[in-house]
Amino acid sequence: MNYGEIKKCDIANGVGVRVSLFVSGCRHHCEDCFNAVTWDFCYGHEFTPAVEDELVGALSKSYIRGLTLIGGEPGIGKSTILLQLCGE
């Protein structure tokens, strides 16, 4: 799985201060998409165990309210890593 960006202090993509993971890949290709660069499943960086540790560390801060999965389309090609992070 690839991702485009991790925002560790995001107030624009959910309630409260959140960590947002912008995943790569989308087949919907919606007209006027604000993040069309993430349609490519190979866009960005590989989601490695080190990146997972970085994400978990960012989520451990007391002021963080949660994780926002955005992209791309987070529900396409569900990653076991993302399912573990979400507690599924």
N, C-alpha and C. Protein backbone atom coordinates (compact mmCIF):
# COMPACT_ATOMS: atom_id res chain seq x y z
N MET A 1 0.84 -1.17 0.00
CA MET A 1 0.00 0.00 0.00
C MET A 1 0.89 1.24 0.00
N ASN A 2 0.46 2.24 -0.74
CA ASN A 2 1.16 3.52 -0.75
C ASN A 2 0.29 4.59 -0.11
N TYR A 3 0.95 5.64 0.32
CA TYR A 3 0.23 6.78 0.89
C TYR A 3 0.89 8.05 0.37
N GLY A 4 0.10 9.11 0.33
CA GLY A 4 0.62 10.39 -0.15
C GLY A 4 1.18 11.25 0.96
N GLU A 5 0.51 11.26 2.10
CA GLU A 5 0.91 12.16 3.17
C GLU A 5 0.31 11.71 4.49
N ILE A 6 0.99 12.05 5.57
CA ILE A 6 0.46 11.91 6.92
C ILE A 6 0.44 13.31 7.53
N LYS A 7 -0.73 13.74 7.95
CA LYS A 7 -0.84 15.01 8.69
C LYS A 7 -1.01 14.64 10.16
N LYS A 8 -0.09 15.07 10.98
CA LYS A 8 -0.08 14.66 12.38
C LYS A 8 -0.87 15.58 13.30
N CYS A 9 -1.31 16.70 12.79
CA CYS A 9 -2.10 17.64 13.59
C CYS A 9 -3.10 18.32 12.66
N ASP A 10 -4.16 17.60 12.33
CA ASP A 10 -5.12 18.02 11.29
C ASP A 10 -6.44 18.42 11.94
N ILE A 11 -6.89 19.62 11.64
CA ILE A 11 -8.19 20.07 12.17
C ILE A 11 -9.22 20.22 11.05
N ALA A 12 -8.85 19.85 9.82
CA ALA A 12 -9.74 20.05 8.67
C ALA A 12 -10.48 18.78 8.24
N ASN A 13 -10.09 17.63 8.73
CA ASN A 13 -10.63 16.38 8.22
C ASN A 13 -11.23 15.49 9.31
N GLY A 14 -12.11 16.08 10.10
CA GLY A 14 -12.78 15.33 11.15
C GLY A 14 -12.96 16.20 12.38
N VAL A 15 -13.59 15.62 13.37
CA VAL A 15 -13.89 16.34 14.62
C VAL A 15 -12.65 16.36 15.51
N GLY A 16 -12.29 17.53 15.99
CA GLY A 16 -11.15 17.66 16.89
C GLY A 16 -9.83 17.60 16.14
N VAL A 17 -8.76 17.53 16.91
CA VAL A 17 -7.42 17.41 16.32
C VAL A 17 -7.19 15.94 16.02
N ARG A 18 -6.81 15.65 14.78
CA ARG A 18 -6.71 14.26 14.33
C ARG A 18 -5.39 14.04 13.61
N VAL A 19 -5.07 12.80 13.40
CA VAL A 19 -4.01 12.39 12.48
C VAL A 19 -4.72 11.92 11.22
N SER A 20 -4.29 12.42 10.06
CA SER A 20 -4.90 12.02 8.80
C SER A 20 -3.89 11.31 7.92
N LEU A 21 -4.30 10.17 7.41
CA LEU A 21 -3.49 9.38 6.49
C LEU A 21 -4.14 9.45 5.11
N PHE A 22 -3.44 10.05 4.17
CA PHE A 22 -3.92 10.17 2.80
C PHE A 22 -3.42 8.97 2.01
N VAL A 23 -4.28 7.99 1.80
CA VAL A 23 -3.88 6.77 1.10
C VAL A 23 -3.90 7.01 -0.41
N SER A 24 -3.17 6.19 -1.13
CA SER A 24 -3.12 6.28 -2.59
C SER A 24 -4.04 5.26 -3.21
N GLY A 25 -4.66 5.67 -4.32
CA GLY A 25 -5.48 4.76 -5.11
C GLY A 25 -6.95 5.04 -5.02
N CYS A 26 -7.57 5.28 -6.19
CA CYS A 26 -9.02 5.46 -6.25
C CYS A 26 -9.49 5.14 -7.66
N ARG A 27 -10.57 4.39 -7.76
CA ARG A 27 -11.15 4.05 -9.06
C ARG A 27 -12.38 4.89 -9.39
N HIS A 28 -12.83 5.72 -8.45
CA HIS A 28 -14.04 6.51 -8.67
C HIS A 28 -13.83 7.67 -9.64
N HIS A 29 -12.68 8.34 -9.55
CA HIS A 29 -12.34 9.46 -10.42
C HIS A 29 -13.47 10.49 -10.51
N CYS A 30 -13.93 10.94 -9.38
CA CYS A 30 -15.04 11.90 -9.31
C CYS A 30 -14.66 13.22 -9.99
N GLU A 31 -15.61 13.78 -10.70
CA GLU A 31 -15.42 15.09 -11.30
C GLU A 31 -15.18 16.10 -10.18
N ASP A 32 -14.25 17.01 -10.39
CA ASP A 32 -13.90 18.04 -9.42
C ASP A 32 -13.29 17.49 -8.12
N CYS A 33 -12.69 16.31 -8.18
CA CYS A 33 -12.00 15.75 -7.01
C CYS A 33 -10.92 16.72 -6.55
N PHE A 34 -10.86 16.98 -5.25
CA PHE A 34 -9.86 17.92 -4.73
C PHE A 34 -8.49 17.28 -4.58
N ASN A 35 -8.39 15.97 -4.75
CA ASN A 35 -7.12 15.28 -4.52
C ASN A 35 -6.87 14.22 -5.60
N ALA A 36 -7.05 14.61 -6.85
CA ALA A 36 -6.96 13.66 -7.97
C ALA A 36 -5.57 13.02 -8.09
N VAL A 37 -4.55 13.67 -7.59
CA VAL A 37 -3.21 13.10 -7.67
C VAL A 37 -3.15 11.74 -6.95
N THR A 38 -4.02 11.50 -5.99
CA THR A 38 -4.01 10.25 -5.23
C THR A 38 -4.77 9.12 -5.93
N TRP A 39 -5.30 9.35 -7.11
CA TRP A 39 -5.99 8.27 -7.84
C TRP A 39 -5.03 7.14 -8.19
N ASP A 40 -3.78 7.47 -8.44
CA ASP A 40 -2.76 6.49 -8.81
C ASP A 40 -2.38 5.65 -7.59
N PHE A 41 -2.55 4.34 -7.69
CA PHE A 41 -2.24 3.45 -6.57
C PHE A 41 -0.74 3.44 -6.23
N CYS A 42 0.10 3.90 -7.14
CA CYS A 42 1.56 3.93 -6.90
C CYS A 42 2.04 5.30 -6.44
N TYR A 43 1.13 6.24 -6.28
CA TYR A 43 1.50 7.60 -5.86
C TYR A 43 2.07 7.60 -4.44
N GLY A 44 3.05 8.43 -4.21
CA GLY A 44 3.54 8.67 -2.85
C GLY A 44 4.59 7.70 -2.39
N HIS A 45 4.44 7.27 -1.15
CA HIS A 45 5.46 6.48 -0.44
C HIS A 45 4.88 5.14 -0.01
N GLU A 46 5.75 4.16 0.11
CA GLU A 46 5.32 2.84 0.59
C GLU A 46 5.01 2.91 2.10
N PHE A 47 3.90 2.27 2.48
CA PHE A 47 3.53 2.21 3.89
C PHE A 47 4.28 1.05 4.52
N THR A 48 5.37 1.35 5.19
CA THR A 48 6.27 0.35 5.77
C THR A 48 6.01 0.21 7.27
N PRO A 49 6.60 -0.80 7.91
CA PRO A 49 6.48 -0.89 9.37
C PRO A 49 7.00 0.36 10.09
N ALA A 50 8.02 1.00 9.55
CA ALA A 50 8.53 2.23 10.17
C ALA A 50 7.50 3.36 10.08
N VAL A 51 6.80 3.44 8.96
CA VAL A 51 5.75 4.45 8.80
C VAL A 51 4.59 4.12 9.74
N GLU A 52 4.26 2.85 9.87
CA GLU A 52 3.22 2.45 10.82
C GLU A 52 3.58 2.89 12.23
N ASP A 53 4.83 2.68 12.63
CA ASP A 53 5.28 3.11 13.97
C ASP A 53 5.16 4.62 14.12
N GLU A 54 5.52 5.36 13.07
CA GLU A 54 5.39 6.82 13.09
C GLU A 54 3.93 7.23 13.27
N LEU A 55 3.05 6.56 12.57
CA LEU A 55 1.62 6.86 12.65
C LEU A 55 1.07 6.55 14.04
N VAL A 56 1.42 5.40 14.58
CA VAL A 56 0.97 5.01 15.92
C VAL A 56 1.51 6.00 16.96
N GLY A 57 2.76 6.42 16.80
CA GLY A 57 3.33 7.42 17.71
C GLY A 57 2.57 8.73 17.67
N ALA A 58 2.20 9.16 16.47
CA ALA A 58 1.44 10.41 16.33
C ALA A 58 0.06 10.27 16.97
N LEU A 59 -0.53 9.09 16.88
CA LEU A 59 -1.86 8.85 17.47
C LEU A 59 -1.83 8.77 18.99
N SER A 60 -0.66 8.56 19.56
CA SER A 60 -0.57 8.39 21.02
C SER A 60 -0.58 9.71 21.79
N LYS A 61 -0.51 10.82 21.09
CA LYS A 61 -0.53 12.12 21.77
C LYS A 61 -1.88 12.36 22.44
N SER A 62 -1.86 12.94 23.63
CA SER A 62 -3.09 13.10 24.42
C SER A 62 -4.13 14.01 23.75
N TYR A 63 -3.70 14.93 22.92
CA TYR A 63 -4.63 15.87 22.28
C TYR A 63 -5.24 15.33 20.98
N ILE A 64 -4.80 14.17 20.53
CA ILE A 64 -5.31 13.60 19.27
C ILE A 64 -6.62 12.87 19.54
N ARG A 65 -7.63 13.22 18.77
CA ARG A 65 -8.97 12.64 18.96
C ARG A 65 -9.19 11.38 18.14
N GLY A 66 -8.42 11.20 17.05
CA GLY A 66 -8.61 10.01 16.24
C GLY A 66 -7.82 10.03 14.95
N LEU A 67 -8.08 9.02 14.14
CA LEU A 67 -7.42 8.82 12.86
C LEU A 67 -8.45 9.03 11.75
N THR A 68 -8.08 9.83 10.76
CA THR A 68 -8.91 10.00 9.57
C THR A 68 -8.20 9.35 8.40
N LEU A 69 -8.89 8.44 7.72
CA LEU A 69 -8.37 7.81 6.50
C LEU A 69 -9.02 8.52 5.33
N ILE A 70 -8.20 9.07 4.47
CA ILE A 70 -8.67 9.91 3.37
C ILE A 70 -7.77 9.61 2.19
N GLY A 71 -8.10 10.12 1.04
CA GLY A 71 -7.20 9.79 -0.06
C GLY A 71 -7.53 10.48 -1.36
N GLY A 72 -7.36 9.63 -2.27
CA GLY A 72 -7.59 8.25 -2.62
C GLY A 72 -8.91 7.76 -2.00
N GLU A 73 -9.06 6.48 -2.11
CA GLU A 73 -10.24 5.83 -1.54
C GLU A 73 -9.76 4.76 -0.56
N PRO A 74 -9.82 5.05 0.75
CA PRO A 74 -9.30 4.13 1.76
C PRO A 74 -9.96 2.76 1.77
N GLY A 75 -11.16 2.62 1.25
CA GLY A 75 -11.87 1.34 1.29
C GLY A 75 -11.53 0.40 0.15
N ILE A 76 -10.76 0.86 -0.83
CA ILE A 76 -10.38 0.01 -1.95
C ILE A 76 -9.11 -0.74 -1.59
N GLY A 77 -9.12 -2.05 -1.80
CA GLY A 77 -7.92 -2.85 -1.53
C GLY A 77 -7.52 -2.79 -0.08
N LYS A 78 -8.45 -3.05 0.80
CA LYS A 78 -8.23 -2.90 2.24
C LYS A 78 -6.92 -3.54 2.69
N SER A 79 -6.12 -2.75 3.30
CA SER A 79 -4.84 -3.20 3.83
C SER A 79 -5.03 -3.77 5.22
N THR A 80 -4.37 -4.89 5.50
CA THR A 80 -4.46 -5.45 6.85
C THR A 80 -3.87 -4.49 7.87
N ILE A 81 -2.89 -3.70 7.45
CA ILE A 81 -2.30 -2.71 8.35
C ILE A 81 -3.36 -1.70 8.78
N LEU A 82 -4.12 -1.20 7.81
CA LEU A 82 -5.17 -0.22 8.15
C LEU A 82 -6.26 -0.84 8.99
N LEU A 83 -6.61 -2.08 8.72
CA LEU A 83 -7.62 -2.76 9.53
C LEU A 83 -7.14 -2.91 10.97
N GLN A 84 -5.87 -3.23 11.16
CA GLN A 84 -5.31 -3.35 12.52
C GLN A 84 -5.34 -1.99 13.22
N LEU A 85 -4.96 -0.93 12.51
CA LEU A 85 -4.96 0.40 13.10
C LEU A 85 -6.37 0.83 13.52
N CYS A 86 -7.35 0.38 12.76
CA CYS A 86 -8.74 0.75 13.05
C CYS A 86 -9.40 -0.21 14.02
N GLY A 87 -8.70 -1.24 14.45
CA GLY A 87 -9.24 -2.17 15.44
C GLY A 87 -10.24 -3.14 14.88
N GLU A 88 -10.16 -3.46 13.60
CA GLU A 88 -11.11 -4.38 12.97
C GLU A 88 -10.53 -5.78 12.99
